[in-house]
Protein backbone atom coordinates (compact mmCIF):
# COMPACT_ATOMS: atom_id res chain seq x y z
CA MET A 1 0.25 -0.45 0.11
CA ILE A 2 2.89 2.39 0.65
CA ARG A 3 5.27 3.24 -1.98
CA PHE A 4 8.62 5.05 -0.07
CA TYR A 5 10.78 7.24 -2.52
CA GLN A 6 13.88 7.84 -0.96
CA PHE A 7 17.40 8.36 -0.39
CA GLY A 8 19.03 6.87 2.26
CA ASN A 9 21.49 9.34 3.43
CA SER A 10 18.50 12.00 3.05
CA VAL A 11 17.67 13.82 6.51
CA CYS A 12 14.44 14.72 4.66
CA CYS A 13 13.97 10.45 4.00
CA GLN A 14 15.63 9.38 7.62
CA LYS A 15 12.88 11.58 9.09
CA VAL A 16 9.91 9.74 6.89
CA ARG A 17 11.68 5.97 8.21
CA ILE A 18 11.64 7.09 11.87
CA THR A 19 7.34 7.27 12.13
CA MET A 20 6.79 4.81 9.64
CA LEU A 21 9.18 2.58 12.00
CA GLU A 22 7.49 3.66 14.48
CA LYS A 23 4.25 3.57 13.65
CA GLN A 24 5.06 -0.37 12.23
CA LEU A 25 4.59 0.27 9.35
CA THR A 26 6.14 -1.33 6.18
CA TRP A 27 6.39 0.04 2.73
CA GLU A 28 8.49 -1.10 -0.79
CA PRO A 29 11.79 0.98 -0.81
CA VAL A 30 12.51 3.40 -3.90
CA GLU A 31 15.89 4.07 -4.02
CA VAL A 32 16.19 7.72 -6.54
CA ASN A 33 20.10 8.56 -6.38
CA VAL A 34 20.70 12.47 -6.42
CA PHE A 35 24.16 12.21 -7.40
CA ARG A 36 23.47 10.32 -10.06
CA ASN A 37 20.14 12.94 -10.48
CA GLU A 38 17.88 10.25 -10.81
CA GLN A 39 15.67 13.09 -8.82
CA TYR A 40 15.21 14.97 -12.25
CA SER A 41 14.36 11.84 -14.08
CA SER A 42 10.70 12.89 -16.42
CA GLU A 43 9.02 9.55 -14.92
CA TYR A 44 10.60 10.66 -10.47
CA LEU A 45 8.71 14.69 -11.68
CA LYS A 46 5.55 13.19 -12.01
CA ILE A 47 5.64 11.88 -8.87
CA ASN A 48 7.15 14.80 -7.50
CA PRO A 49 7.53 18.44 -9.70
CA LYS A 50 10.09 19.84 -7.37
CA GLY A 51 12.93 16.76 -8.00
CA VAL A 52 13.65 16.16 -4.59
CA VAL A 53 13.27 13.56 -2.05
CA PRO A 54 11.16 12.00 -0.61
CA ALA A 55 7.47 11.23 -2.08
CA LEU A 56 5.74 8.71 -0.71
CA VAL A 57 2.47 7.13 -3.35
CA HIS A 58 -0.31 5.75 -0.95
CA ASP A 59 -3.44 3.81 -2.43
CA GLY A 60 -1.80 5.61 -5.65
CA LYS A 61 -1.99 9.28 -4.19
CA ALA A 62 1.44 11.00 -4.04
CA ILE A 63 1.96 13.10 -0.89
CA THR A 64 5.22 14.97 -1.41
CA GLU A 65 7.46 17.66 0.91
CA SER A 66 8.59 15.16 4.60
CA THR A 67 6.87 17.43 7.68
CA LEU A 68 3.38 16.44 5.59
CA ILE A 69 4.38 12.70 4.96
CA CYS A 70 4.92 12.38 8.58
CA GLU A 71 1.80 14.24 9.28
CA TYR A 72 -0.11 12.53 6.49
CA LEU A 73 0.95 9.73 8.17
CA ASP A 74 -0.07 10.41 11.45
CA ASP A 75 -3.67 10.91 10.25
CA VAL A 76 -3.96 7.32 8.43
CA TYR A 77 -2.21 5.32 10.41
CA PRO A 78 -3.04 7.04 13.75
CA HIS A 79 -1.71 4.96 17.05
CA PRO A 80 0.88 5.75 17.97
CA SER A 81 0.03 9.22 18.20
CA LEU A 82 3.00 11.12 17.35
CA ILE A 83 0.48 14.65 17.40
CA PRO A 84 -0.40 15.19 20.12
CA ALA A 85 -4.36 16.19 20.95
CA ASP A 86 -3.86 19.69 23.31
CA PRO A 87 -4.30 21.65 20.61
CA PHE A 88 -1.24 24.67 22.19
CA LEU A 89 0.82 21.14 22.23
CA ARG A 90 0.42 20.60 18.76
CA ALA A 91 0.77 23.61 17.88
CA SER A 92 4.00 24.07 19.58
CA MET A 93 4.95 20.77 17.47
CA ARG A 94 4.48 22.02 14.59
CA GLN A 95 6.69 25.74 15.37
CA TRP A 96 9.55 23.40 15.84
CA SER A 97 8.43 21.49 12.19
CA LYS A 98 9.04 25.07 10.82
CA LEU A 99 12.34 25.50 12.37
CA VAL A 100 13.31 22.81 10.75
CA ASP A 101 11.72 23.28 7.03
CA GLU A 102 12.69 27.57 7.54
CA GLY A 103 15.60 27.12 9.30
CA LEU A 104 17.83 23.81 9.56
CA PHE A 105 17.12 22.39 6.11
CA GLU A 106 19.14 24.82 4.10
CA GLY A 107 21.70 24.79 7.73
CA ILE A 108 22.30 21.25 7.13
CA THR A 109 22.56 21.76 3.39
CA GLU A 110 25.12 24.17 3.92
CA ILE A 111 27.26 22.83 5.99
CA SER A 112 26.99 19.57 4.85
CA PHE A 113 28.03 20.88 1.20
CA SER A 114 30.90 22.38 2.88
CA ALA A 115 32.11 20.15 3.72
CA MET A 116 32.11 16.60 1.44
CA PHE A 117 29.44 17.58 -0.85
CA ARG A 118 31.93 20.43 -2.11
CA GLN A 119 34.46 17.65 -2.93
CA ARG A 120 32.64 15.98 -4.53
CA LEU A 121 31.67 18.47 -7.38
CA LYS A 122 35.59 19.58 -7.42
CA ASN A 123 36.06 15.83 -8.83
CA LEU A 124 33.77 17.05 -11.53
CA SER A 125 34.64 17.79 -14.71
CA ALA A 126 32.99 21.29 -16.09
CA GLU A 127 30.40 20.03 -17.82
CA GLU A 128 29.61 17.18 -15.28
CA ARG A 129 28.75 20.32 -12.47
CA ASN A 130 27.59 23.22 -15.28
CA VAL A 131 25.04 19.77 -15.56
CA ARG A 132 24.36 19.33 -12.08
CA PHE A 133 23.91 22.87 -11.45
CA ARG A 134 21.75 23.55 -14.37
CA ASN A 135 19.24 20.69 -12.83
CA VAL A 136 18.74 22.75 -9.58
CA GLY A 137 15.18 24.16 -10.61
CA ASP A 138 14.90 26.66 -8.77
CA PRO A 139 16.85 29.77 -8.02
CA ARG A 140 17.74 30.95 -4.82
CA ARG A 141 18.74 27.20 -4.25
CA ARG A 142 20.75 27.13 -6.91
CA ASP A 143 22.06 30.46 -6.10
CA ARG A 144 23.27 28.35 -2.87
CA PHE A 145 24.76 25.41 -4.10
CA VAL A 146 27.09 27.73 -6.39
CA SER A 147 28.21 29.64 -3.85
CA THR A 148 28.82 27.38 -0.98
CA TYR A 149 30.74 25.77 -4.16
CA GLU A 150 32.81 28.56 -4.73
CA LEU A 151 33.36 30.27 -1.26
CA GLY A 152 32.91 26.67 0.73
CA THR A 153 32.17 28.01 4.82
CA GLY A 154 33.48 31.76 3.77
CA SER A 155 29.22 31.45 1.60
CA PRO A 156 27.08 33.81 3.54
CA TYR A 157 24.32 31.01 3.80
CA VAL A 158 27.17 28.32 5.25
CA LEU A 159 26.93 31.19 8.14
CA HIS A 160 23.19 31.34 7.73
CA GLY A 161 22.69 27.36 8.70
CA VAL A 162 25.55 28.07 11.92
CA ALA A 163 22.75 30.45 12.96
CA ALA A 164 19.99 28.29 12.04
CA TYR A 165 21.39 26.09 14.33
CA TYR A 166 22.42 28.17 16.48
CA LYS A 167 18.94 29.45 17.15
CA THR A 168 17.17 26.21 17.32
CA PHE A 169 19.59 24.45 19.92
CA LYS A 170 19.30 27.80 22.59
CA LEU A 171 15.32 27.41 21.43
CA LEU A 172 15.75 23.54 22.56
CA ASP A 173 17.38 23.30 25.18
CA ASN A 174 14.98 26.12 27.10
CA ALA A 175 11.69 24.65 25.76
CA LEU A 176 13.58 21.10 27.84
CA ALA A 177 14.31 22.04 30.68
CA GLU A 178 10.79 23.09 31.05
CA ARG A 179 9.50 18.73 29.78
CA SER A 180 11.11 15.91 29.65
CA PRO A 181 12.37 14.32 28.65
CA TRP A 182 10.99 15.01 24.78
CA ILE A 183 10.34 18.38 23.58
CA LEU A 184 6.35 18.46 24.13
CA GLY A 185 7.00 16.49 27.53
CA GLU A 186 6.83 12.42 28.68
CA SER A 187 5.65 11.28 25.05
CA VAL A 188 7.82 11.37 21.62
CA SER A 189 5.75 13.26 19.08
CA LEU A 190 6.97 14.48 15.62
CA ALA A 191 8.81 17.65 16.86
CA ASP A 192 10.92 14.97 18.17
CA ILE A 193 10.93 13.11 15.40
CA SER A 194 11.81 16.24 12.54
CA LEU A 195 15.15 17.37 14.33
CA MET A 196 16.42 13.65 14.51
CA PRO A 197 18.75 13.66 11.17
CA TYR A 198 19.29 17.07 11.40
CA VAL A 199 21.06 16.22 14.71
CA ALA A 200 22.72 12.83 13.59
CA ARG A 201 24.16 15.19 11.01
CA LEU A 202 26.02 16.39 12.36
CA GLU A 203 27.24 14.09 14.68
CA PHE A 204 28.04 12.17 11.91
CA LEU A 205 30.05 15.36 11.08
CA GLY A 206 31.56 15.31 14.41
CA LEU A 207 30.56 18.71 14.34
CA LEU A 208 27.58 18.55 17.08
CA ASP A 209 29.61 18.86 20.04
CA VAL A 210 30.44 21.88 19.11
CA PHE A 211 26.82 23.77 18.85
CA THR A 212 26.00 21.67 22.35
CA VAL A 213 28.84 22.61 24.48
CA ASP A 214 26.47 25.11 26.31
CA ARG A 215 23.10 22.56 25.84
CA PRO A 216 23.10 20.69 29.29
CA ALA A 217 19.20 20.04 28.10
CA VAL A 218 20.16 19.20 24.24
CA ARG A 219 23.10 16.87 25.41
CA GLU A 220 20.75 15.01 28.20
CA TRP A 221 18.04 14.95 25.00
CA TRP A 222 20.00 13.76 22.16
CA LYS A 223 21.39 10.86 24.50
CA ILE A 224 17.48 8.97 24.46
CA ALA A 225 17.14 9.81 20.97
CA ARG A 226 20.21 8.62 20.29
CA GLU A 227 19.21 5.07 21.66
CA TRP A 228 15.51 5.18 19.85
CA PRO A 229 14.55 2.01 18.67
CA SER A 230 13.20 3.94 15.61
CA TYR A 231 15.78 6.28 14.83
CA ILE A 232 19.26 3.32 14.82
CA GLY A 233 16.83 2.08 12.21
CA GLY A 234 15.76 5.56 9.95
CA VAL A 235 18.40 6.59 10.52
CA VAL A 236 21.59 4.89 11.27
CA ALA A 237 20.40 1.22 9.66
CA TYR A 238 20.53 3.58 6.56
CA VAL A 239 24.32 5.41 6.34
CA LYS A 240 26.48 3.15 4.21
CA ASP A 241 29.74 2.73 5.16
CA HIS A 242 31.48 4.89 2.79
CA GLU A 243 28.91 7.97 4.06
CA ARG A 244 29.90 7.10 7.57
CA GLU A 245 33.71 7.51 6.39
CA GLU A 246 33.08 10.33 4.30
CA MET A 247 31.03 11.93 6.68
CA MET A 248 33.85 11.12 9.92
CA THR A 249 36.85 12.54 7.50
CA HIS A 250 35.66 16.17 5.91
CA GLY A 251 33.94 16.86 8.98
CA PRO A 252 36.63 17.94 11.73
CA LYS A 253 38.45 19.38 8.54
CA ILE A 254 35.63 22.93 8.78
CA ARG A 255 35.51 22.19 12.50
CA GLY A 256 37.47 25.75 13.41
CA ASP A 257 35.39 27.24 10.42
CA ILE A 258 32.44 26.38 11.99
CA GLU A 259 33.64 26.93 15.32
CA ASP A 260 34.57 30.66 14.22
CA LEU A 261 31.12 31.10 12.47
CA ILE A 262 29.27 30.44 15.68
CA ASN A 263 31.20 33.18 17.36
CA LYS A 264 30.11 35.27 14.50
CA VAL A 265 26.39 34.26 15.27
CA LYS A 266 27.40 34.79 18.55
CA SER A 267 28.81 38.14 18.57
CA ILE A 268 26.23 39.35 16.06
CA ALA A 269 23.15 38.58 18.78
CA HIS A 270 25.12 40.08 21.89
CA GLU A 271 25.12 43.80 19.99
CA ALA A 272 21.35 42.73 18.56
CA SER A 273 20.07 42.53 21.93
CA GLY A 274 21.52 46.02 22.88
CA HIS A 275 24.61 45.12 25.74
């Protein structure tokens, strides 16, 4: 009944897999290799016109955008529920989803790109790189990719990504100090699931501690989250050995730059507060 178009190490795909595993669903996986531009094939574009993963087809109907897919799955398969019944908590859950979709998604894309995907592009011929950039249909996304390719961590988009993470971790630490062990209290929700892959990617890159050194509540939450069976099955199990090695090799190379960017973000925030 469920066909899931995915790329294994995509953070958006990881989020949906965690949700499906927590609900003990079964699905037919269809691999879409984004490094071979398979997301731009005419067949896949009929399913997802944006040319991105994931996409979920249920009973012959396509649902796109990972946040919407997760909420759709909770509607169709309500047990166990991952969306709070309380209207205020439900709104809070969606605020966390917005922080991910409007900040962390682009943030981890640029951080990951500057660490390792940039090197992949450098290894391509000029013609192959042009094809890669040309296939990005959204001009804003293309500008980000080109900027990070040319400037690495010096790209303003990497700074924006670091700022998004800094803001999110600050809010998360405060929220977890009020409620625990999960973001909205005693039960795991889509708020937690939305964040897990984005925190995991920083850990795989060897950069997580740079962001959480002064966030004790976040560190405690992550200790629980990273041992959660649905996280392990939806994220860790899909990271291939060569991907893990690539992240562990290239992430530390930009650690100093990321630390400098975090200090820059802190300075900007300090000036904005009037102190």
